[in-house]
Amino acid sequence: MTDTTQTITKPNMKTLPPRDLKHNPLNIIKQCVKEGRPAFIAGPMVRYSKLPFRELLRDYKTDIVYSPMILAREFVRSKNARLSDFSTNAKDRSFIVQIGSNNVTDLLRMVEMIHPYVDGIGLNCGCPIKEQVREGIGAALMSKKELVAEMVKAVKTKYGDSICMEVKIRVHNDINETIEFIIDTS
């Protein structure tokens, strides 16, 4: 059995085929609707959504898979973080990387590093883990709609429709706050 796993590092970045828009998550969902079936999506799971697990999910016909949340600040600053947090291969499609970030600069730097190898970017505004919230990421962003809008706009301005971007959110106790958050950040 051949190991198809490739960790994205400088020497082997060019060995993966370029991303194909047919794997764009929105196109996958449209195709599932056309086929009259639900899209099977495996959301991000802490410590579990790494490449071997995503490969297993493909055996169960999962259409879209997520990475665990990767912290942008650590990813852009540390080769060790990149090596331990991000791996993919040619069969890892449709693949969304979930990112934890609290600023535009780190988010854009991380997207720059991974965008050729992923089909979508997910900004995590929902993780309730206390350490993440203290860092100003995850659920902490639910009270910073201007910052979230700025981060989404920065990615979409730079990459347009060449990369799919979504935002994971929490629902506020007052649903009107959630609706306002969505309207103000889109």
C-alpha atoms as a PDB file:
ATOM      1  CA  MET A   1       0.000   0.000   0.000  1.00  0.00           C
ATOM      2  CA  THR A   2       1.389   3.372  -1.002  1.00  0.00           C
ATOM      3  CA  ASP A   3       1.293   6.268   1.436  1.00  0.00           C
ATOM      4  CA  THR A   4      -0.425   9.164  -0.336  1.00  0.00           C
ATOM      5  CA  THR A   5      -0.002  11.600   2.536  1.00  0.00           C
ATOM      6  CA  GLN A   6       1.989  14.709   1.784  1.00  0.00           C
ATOM      7  CA  THR A   7       2.666  17.331   4.365  1.00  0.00           C
ATOM      8  CA  ILE A   8       2.849  20.686   2.708  1.00  0.00           C
ATOM      9  CA  THR A   9       6.406  21.900   3.049  1.00  0.00           C
ATOM     10  CA  LYS A  10       8.516  23.955   0.689  1.00  0.00           C
ATOM     11  CA  PRO A  11      10.178  20.993  -1.103  1.00  0.00           C
ATOM     12  CA  ASN A  12       6.932  19.234  -2.060  1.00  0.00           C
ATOM     13  CA  MET A  13       4.446  22.117  -2.462  1.00  0.00           C
ATOM     14  CA  LYS A  14       4.552  21.867  -6.236  1.00  0.00           C
ATOM     15  CA  THR A  15       3.879  18.101  -6.291  1.00  0.00           C
ATOM     16  CA  LEU A  16       0.165  18.426  -5.553  1.00  0.00           C
ATOM     17  CA  PRO A  17      -2.112  19.121  -8.499  1.00  0.00           C
ATOM     18  CA  PRO A  18      -3.644  22.598  -8.654  1.00  0.00           C
ATOM     19  CA  ARG A  19      -7.003  23.107  -7.014  1.00  0.00           C
ATOM     20  CA  ASP A  20      -9.919  22.490  -9.351  1.00  0.00           C
ATOM     21  CA  LEU A  21     -13.033  24.660  -8.997  1.00  0.00           C
ATOM     22  CA  LYS A  22     -15.220  21.557  -9.306  1.00  0.00           C
ATOM     23  CA  HIS A  23     -14.157  20.871  -5.692  1.00  0.00           C
ATOM     24  CA  ASN A  24     -15.293  24.302  -4.495  1.00  0.00           C
ATOM     25  CA  PRO A  25     -17.694  23.553  -1.602  1.00  0.00           C
ATOM     26  CA  LEU A  26     -20.451  25.667  -3.173  1.00  0.00           C
ATOM     27  CA  ASN A  27     -20.152  23.695  -6.406  1.00  0.00           C
ATOM     28  CA  ILE A  28     -20.259  20.426  -4.439  1.00  0.00           C
ATOM     29  CA  ILE A  29     -23.479  21.507  -2.716  1.00  0.00           C
ATOM     30  CA  LYS A  30     -25.010  22.571  -6.053  1.00  0.00           C
ATOM     31  CA  GLN A  31     -24.116  19.169  -7.515  1.00  0.00           C
ATOM     32  CA  CYS A  32     -25.736  17.372  -4.572  1.00  0.00           C
ATOM     33  CA  VAL A  33     -28.924  19.418  -5.030  1.00  0.00           C
ATOM     34  CA  LYS A  34     -28.896  18.585  -8.729  1.00  0.00           C
ATOM     35  CA  GLU A  35     -28.574  14.879  -7.817  1.00  0.00           C
ATOM     36  CA  GLY A  36     -31.460  15.230  -5.347  1.00  0.00           C
ATOM     37  CA  ARG A  37     -29.429  14.177  -2.332  1.00  0.00           C
ATOM     38  CA  PRO A  38     -28.026  15.820   0.776  1.00  0.00           C
ATOM     39  CA  ALA A  39     -24.413  16.946   0.900  1.00  0.00           C
ATOM     40  CA  PHE A  40     -22.478  14.928   3.457  1.00  0.00           C
ATOM     41  CA  ILE A  41     -20.214  17.274   5.403  1.00  0.00           C
ATOM     42  CA  ALA A  42     -17.852  16.400   8.257  1.00  0.00           C
ATOM     43  CA  GLY A  43     -17.350  19.506  10.365  1.00  0.00           C
ATOM     44  CA  PRO A  44     -14.151  20.293  12.218  1.00  0.00           C
ATOM     45  CA  MET A  45     -13.373  18.168  15.241  1.00  0.00           C
ATOM     46  CA  VAL A  46     -10.568  19.069  17.641  1.00  0.00           C
ATOM     47  CA  ARG A  47      -7.625  16.689  17.209  1.00  0.00           C
ATOM     48  CA  TYR A  48      -9.612  14.302  14.968  1.00  0.00           C
ATOM     49  CA  SER A  49     -10.053  16.028  11.621  1.00  0.00           C
ATOM     50  CA  LYS A  50      -6.470  15.454  10.498  1.00  0.00           C
ATOM     51  CA  LEU A  51      -5.680  13.864   7.142  1.00  0.00           C
ATOM     52  CA  PRO A  52      -5.936  10.152   8.145  1.00  0.00           C
ATOM     53  CA  PHE A  53      -9.433  10.700   9.547  1.00  0.00           C
ATOM     54  CA  ARG A  54     -10.470  12.743   6.512  1.00  0.00           C
ATOM     55  CA  GLU A  55      -9.252   9.887   4.295  1.00  0.00           C
ATOM     56  CA  LEU A  56     -11.422   7.448   6.267  1.00  0.00           C
ATOM     57  CA  LEU A  57     -14.432   9.735   5.816  1.00  0.00           C
ATOM     58  CA  ARG A  58     -13.988   9.490   2.046  1.00  0.00           C
ATOM     59  CA  ASP A  59     -14.705   5.751   2.336  1.00  0.00           C
ATOM     60  CA  TYR A  60     -18.145   6.786   3.609  1.00  0.00           C
ATOM     61  CA  LYS A  61     -18.775   9.127   0.670  1.00  0.00           C
ATOM     62  CA  THR A  62     -18.321  12.354   2.627  1.00  0.00           C
ATOM     63  CA  ASP A  63     -18.524  15.253   0.154  1.00  0.00           C
ATOM     64  CA  ILE A  64     -16.849  18.040   2.152  1.00  0.00           C
ATOM     65  CA  VAL A  65     -14.421  17.736   5.054  1.00  0.00           C
ATOM     66  CA  TYR A  66     -12.881  20.245   7.452  1.00  0.00           C
ATOM     67  CA  SER A  67      -9.535  20.393   9.180  1.00  0.00           C
ATOM     68  CA  PRO A  68      -9.470  20.984  12.912  1.00  0.00           C
ATOM     69  CA  MET A  69      -9.138  24.679  13.744  1.00  0.00           C
ATOM     70  CA  ILE A  70      -5.613  25.866  13.004  1.00  0.00           C
ATOM     71  CA  LEU A  71      -4.372  28.978  14.792  1.00  0.00           C
ATOM     72  CA  ALA A  72      -3.215  31.457  12.159  1.00  0.00           C
ATOM     73  CA  ARG A  73      -0.716  33.246  14.391  1.00  0.00           C
ATOM     74  CA  GLU A  74       1.133  30.033  15.243  1.00  0.00           C
ATOM     75  CA  PHE A  75       0.876  28.688  11.699  1.00  0.00           C
ATOM     76  CA  VAL A  76       2.496  31.704  10.047  1.00  0.00           C
ATOM     77  CA  ARG A  77       5.228  32.029  12.669  1.00  0.00           C
ATOM     78  CA  SER A  78       6.255  28.417  13.266  1.00  0.00           C
ATOM     79  CA  LYS A  79       7.436  25.775  10.818  1.00  0.00           C
ATOM     80  CA  ASN A  80       6.713  23.162  13.513  1.00  0.00           C
ATOM     81  CA  ALA A  81       3.093  24.328  13.701  1.00  0.00           C
ATOM     82  CA  ARG A  82       2.787  24.097   9.919  1.00  0.00           C
ATOM     83  CA  LEU A  83       4.251  20.603   9.857  1.00  0.00           C
ATOM     84  CA  SER A  84       2.062  19.298  12.679  1.00  0.00           C
ATOM     85  CA  ASP A  85      -1.186  21.100  11.830  1.00  0.00           C
ATOM     86  CA  PHE A  86      -1.499  20.951   8.048  1.00  0.00           C
ATOM     87  CA  SER A  87      -1.247  18.026   5.680  1.00  0.00           C
ATOM     88  CA  THR A  88      -3.196  17.080   2.599  1.00  0.00           C
ATOM     89  CA  ASN A  89      -2.916  15.049  -0.561  1.00  0.00           C
ATOM     90  CA  ALA A  90      -4.399  14.933  -4.046  1.00  0.00           C
ATOM     91  CA  LYS A  91      -7.445  12.928  -2.888  1.00  0.00           C
ATOM     92  CA  ASP A  92      -8.295  15.321  -0.032  1.00  0.00           C
ATOM     93  CA  ARG A  93     -11.088  17.151  -1.841  1.00  0.00           C
ATOM     94  CA  SER A  94     -13.383  19.051  -1.122  1.00  0.00           C
ATOM     95  CA  PHE A  95     -11.328  20.325   1.813  1.00  0.00           C
ATOM     96  CA  ILE A  96     -11.987  23.357   4.021  1.00  0.00           C
ATOM     97  CA  VAL A  97      -9.390  24.575   6.494  1.00  0.00           C
ATOM     98  CA  GLN A  98     -10.874  26.131   9.596  1.00  0.00           C
ATOM     99  CA  ILE A  99      -8.803  29.050  10.847  1.00  0.00           C
ATOM    100  CA  GLY A 100      -8.683  30.694  14.252  1.00  0.00           C
ATOM    101  CA  SER A 101      -7.512  34.285  13.926  1.00  0.00           C
ATOM    102  CA  ASN A 102      -8.082  37.617  15.609  1.00  0.00           C
ATOM    103  CA  ASN A 103      -6.515  39.896  12.995  1.00  0.00           C
ATOM    104  CA  VAL A 104      -6.421  40.465   9.250  1.00  0.00           C
ATOM    105  CA  THR A 105      -2.643  40.183   8.880  1.00  0.00           C
ATOM    106  CA  ASP A 106      -2.269  36.675  10.298  1.00  0.00           C
ATOM    107  CA  LEU A 107      -5.384  35.482   8.470  1.00  0.00           C
ATOM    108  CA  LEU A 108      -4.140  36.752   5.095  1.00  0.00           C
ATOM    109  CA  ARG A 109      -0.661  35.339   5.663  1.00  0.00           C
ATOM    110  CA  MET A 110      -2.068  31.905   6.459  1.00  0.00           C
ATOM    111  CA  VAL A 111      -4.473  31.944   3.516  1.00  0.00           C
ATOM    112  CA  GLU A 112      -1.555  32.936   1.270  1.00  0.00           C
ATOM    113  CA  MET A 113       0.359  29.859   2.432  1.00  0.00           C
ATOM    114  CA  ILE A 114      -2.457  27.320   2.049  1.00  0.00           C
ATOM    115  CA  HIS A 115      -4.854  28.606  -0.613  1.00  0.00           C
ATOM    116  CA  PRO A 116      -3.408  26.576  -3.493  1.00  0.00           C
ATOM    117  CA  TYR A 117      -4.017  23.352  -1.553  1.00  0.00           C
ATOM    118  CA  VAL A 118      -7.504  23.824  -0.142  1.00  0.00           C
ATOM    119  CA  ASP A 119     -10.995  24.309  -1.514  1.00  0.00           C
ATOM    120  CA  GLY A 120     -12.291  26.595   1.188  1.00  0.00           C
ATOM    121  CA  ILE A 121     -11.403  28.708   4.189  1.00  0.00           C
ATOM    122  CA  GLY A 122     -13.516  28.719   7.331  1.00  0.00           C
ATOM    123  CA  LEU A 123     -13.114  31.522   9.858  1.00  0.00           C
ATOM    124  CA  ASN A 124     -13.988  30.199  13.307  1.00  0.00           C
ATOM    125  CA  CYS A 125     -16.206  32.599  15.244  1.00  0.00           C
ATOM    126  CA  GLY A 126     -17.806  29.872  17.301  1.00  0.00           C
ATOM    127  CA  CYS A 127     -15.249  27.996  19.399  1.00  0.00           C
ATOM    128  CA  PRO A 128     -16.214  28.491  23.068  1.00  0.00           C
ATOM    129  CA  ILE A 129     -12.971  27.109  24.570  1.00  0.00           C
ATOM    130  CA  LYS A 130     -11.879  29.601  27.243  1.00  0.00           C
ATOM    131  CA  GLU A 131      -8.236  29.753  26.114  1.00  0.00           C
ATOM    132  CA  GLN A 132      -9.323  30.598  22.561  1.00  0.00           C
ATOM    133  CA  VAL A 133     -11.792  33.229  23.738  1.00  0.00           C
ATOM    134  CA  ARG A 134      -9.073  34.832  25.913  1.00  0.00           C
ATOM    135  CA  GLU A 135      -6.911  35.058  22.785  1.00  0.00           C
ATOM    136  CA  GLY A 136      -9.731  36.922  21.051  1.00  0.00           C
ATOM    137  CA  ILE A 137     -10.535  34.126  18.593  1.00  0.00           C
ATOM    138  CA  GLY A 138     -13.458  31.744  18.226  1.00  0.00           C
ATOM    139  CA  ALA A 139     -16.607  32.844  20.044  1.00  0.00           C
ATOM    140  CA  ALA A 140     -14.874  36.075  21.141  1.00  0.00           C
ATOM    141  CA  LEU A 141     -15.334  37.309  17.565  1.00  0.00           C
ATOM    142  CA  MET A 142     -19.129  37.175  17.917  1.00  0.00           C
ATOM    143  CA  SER A 143     -18.898  40.533  19.701  1.00  0.00           C
ATOM    144  CA  LYS A 144     -16.540  41.987  17.074  1.00  0.00           C
ATOM    145  CA  LYS A 145     -18.607  42.056  13.919  1.00  0.00           C
ATOM    146  CA  GLU A 146     -16.586  44.912  12.389  1.00  0.00           C
ATOM    147  CA  LEU A 147     -13.366  42.903  12.728  1.00  0.00           C
ATOM    148  CA  VAL A 148     -15.002  39.794  11.268  1.00  0.00           C
ATOM    149  CA  ALA A 149     -16.346  41.838   8.345  1.00  0.00           C
ATOM    150  CA  GLU A 150     -12.855  43.292   7.803  1.00  0.00           C
ATOM    151  CA  MET A 151     -11.263  39.821   7.795  1.00  0.00           C
ATOM    152  CA  VAL A 152     -13.814  38.388   5.356  1.00  0.00           C
ATOM    153  CA  LYS A 153     -13.513  41.425   3.102  1.00  0.00           C
ATOM    154  CA  ALA A 154      -9.699  41.201   3.083  1.00  0.00           C
ATOM    155  CA  VAL A 155      -9.733  37.550   1.991  1.00  0.00           C
ATOM    156  CA  LYS A 156     -12.468  38.069  -0.611  1.00  0.00           C
ATOM    157  CA  THR A 157     -10.771  41.205  -1.971  1.00  0.00           C
ATOM    158  CA  LYS A 158      -7.487  39.361  -2.440  1.00  0.00           C
ATOM    159  CA  TYR A 159      -8.849  36.008  -3.671  1.00  0.00           C
ATOM    160  CA  GLY A 160     -12.350  36.738  -4.970  1.00  0.00           C
ATOM    161  CA  ASP A 161     -14.241  33.653  -6.077  1.00  0.00           C
ATOM    162  CA  SER A 162     -11.061  31.608  -6.496  1.00  0.00           C
ATOM    163  CA  ILE A 163     -11.516  30.400  -2.909  1.00  0.00           C
ATOM    164  CA  CYS A 164     -14.699  29.708  -0.998  1.00  0.00           C
ATOM    165  CA  MET A 165     -14.906  31.363   2.420  1.00  0.00           C
ATOM    166  CA  GLU A 166     -17.362  30.691   5.210  1.00  0.00           C
ATOM    167  CA  VAL A 167     -17.719  31.854   8.797  1.00  0.00           C
ATOM    168  CA  LYS A 168     -18.661  29.532  11.642  1.00  0.00           C
ATOM    169  CA  ILE A 169     -20.789  31.414  14.177  1.00  0.00           C
ATOM    170  CA  ARG A 170     -22.735  30.915  17.377  1.00  0.00           C
ATOM    171  CA  VAL A 171     -26.347  31.923  17.766  1.00  0.00           C
ATOM    172  CA  HIS A 172     -26.828  34.760  20.240  1.00  0.00           C
ATOM    173  CA  ASN A 173     -29.471  34.444  22.967  1.00  0.00           C
ATOM    174  CA  ASP A 174     -31.335  37.195  21.113  1.00  0.00           C
ATOM    175  CA  ILE A 175     -31.769  35.888  17.552  1.00  0.00           C
ATOM    176  CA  ASN A 176     -31.971  39.484  16.286  1.00  0.00           C
ATOM    177  CA  GLU A 177     -28.335  39.984  17.357  1.00  0.00           C
ATOM    178  CA  THR A 178     -27.380  36.969  15.273  1.00  0.00           C
ATOM    179  CA  ILE A 179     -29.265  38.291  12.266  1.00  0.00           C
ATOM    180  CA  GLU A 180     -27.598  41.689  12.699  1.00  0.00           C
ATOM    181  CA  PHE A 181     -24.176  39.993  12.945  1.00  0.00           C
ATOM    182  CA  ILE A 182     -24.782  38.104   9.701  1.00  0.00           C
ATOM    183  CA  ILE A 183     -26.045  41.155   7.827  1.00  0.00           C
ATOM    184  CA  ASP A 184     -23.237  43.397   9.059  1.00  0.00           C
ATOM    185  CA  THR A 185     -20.452  40.917   8.257  1.00  0.00           C
ATOM    186  CA  SER A 186     -21.625  39.819   4.804  1.00  0.00           C
END
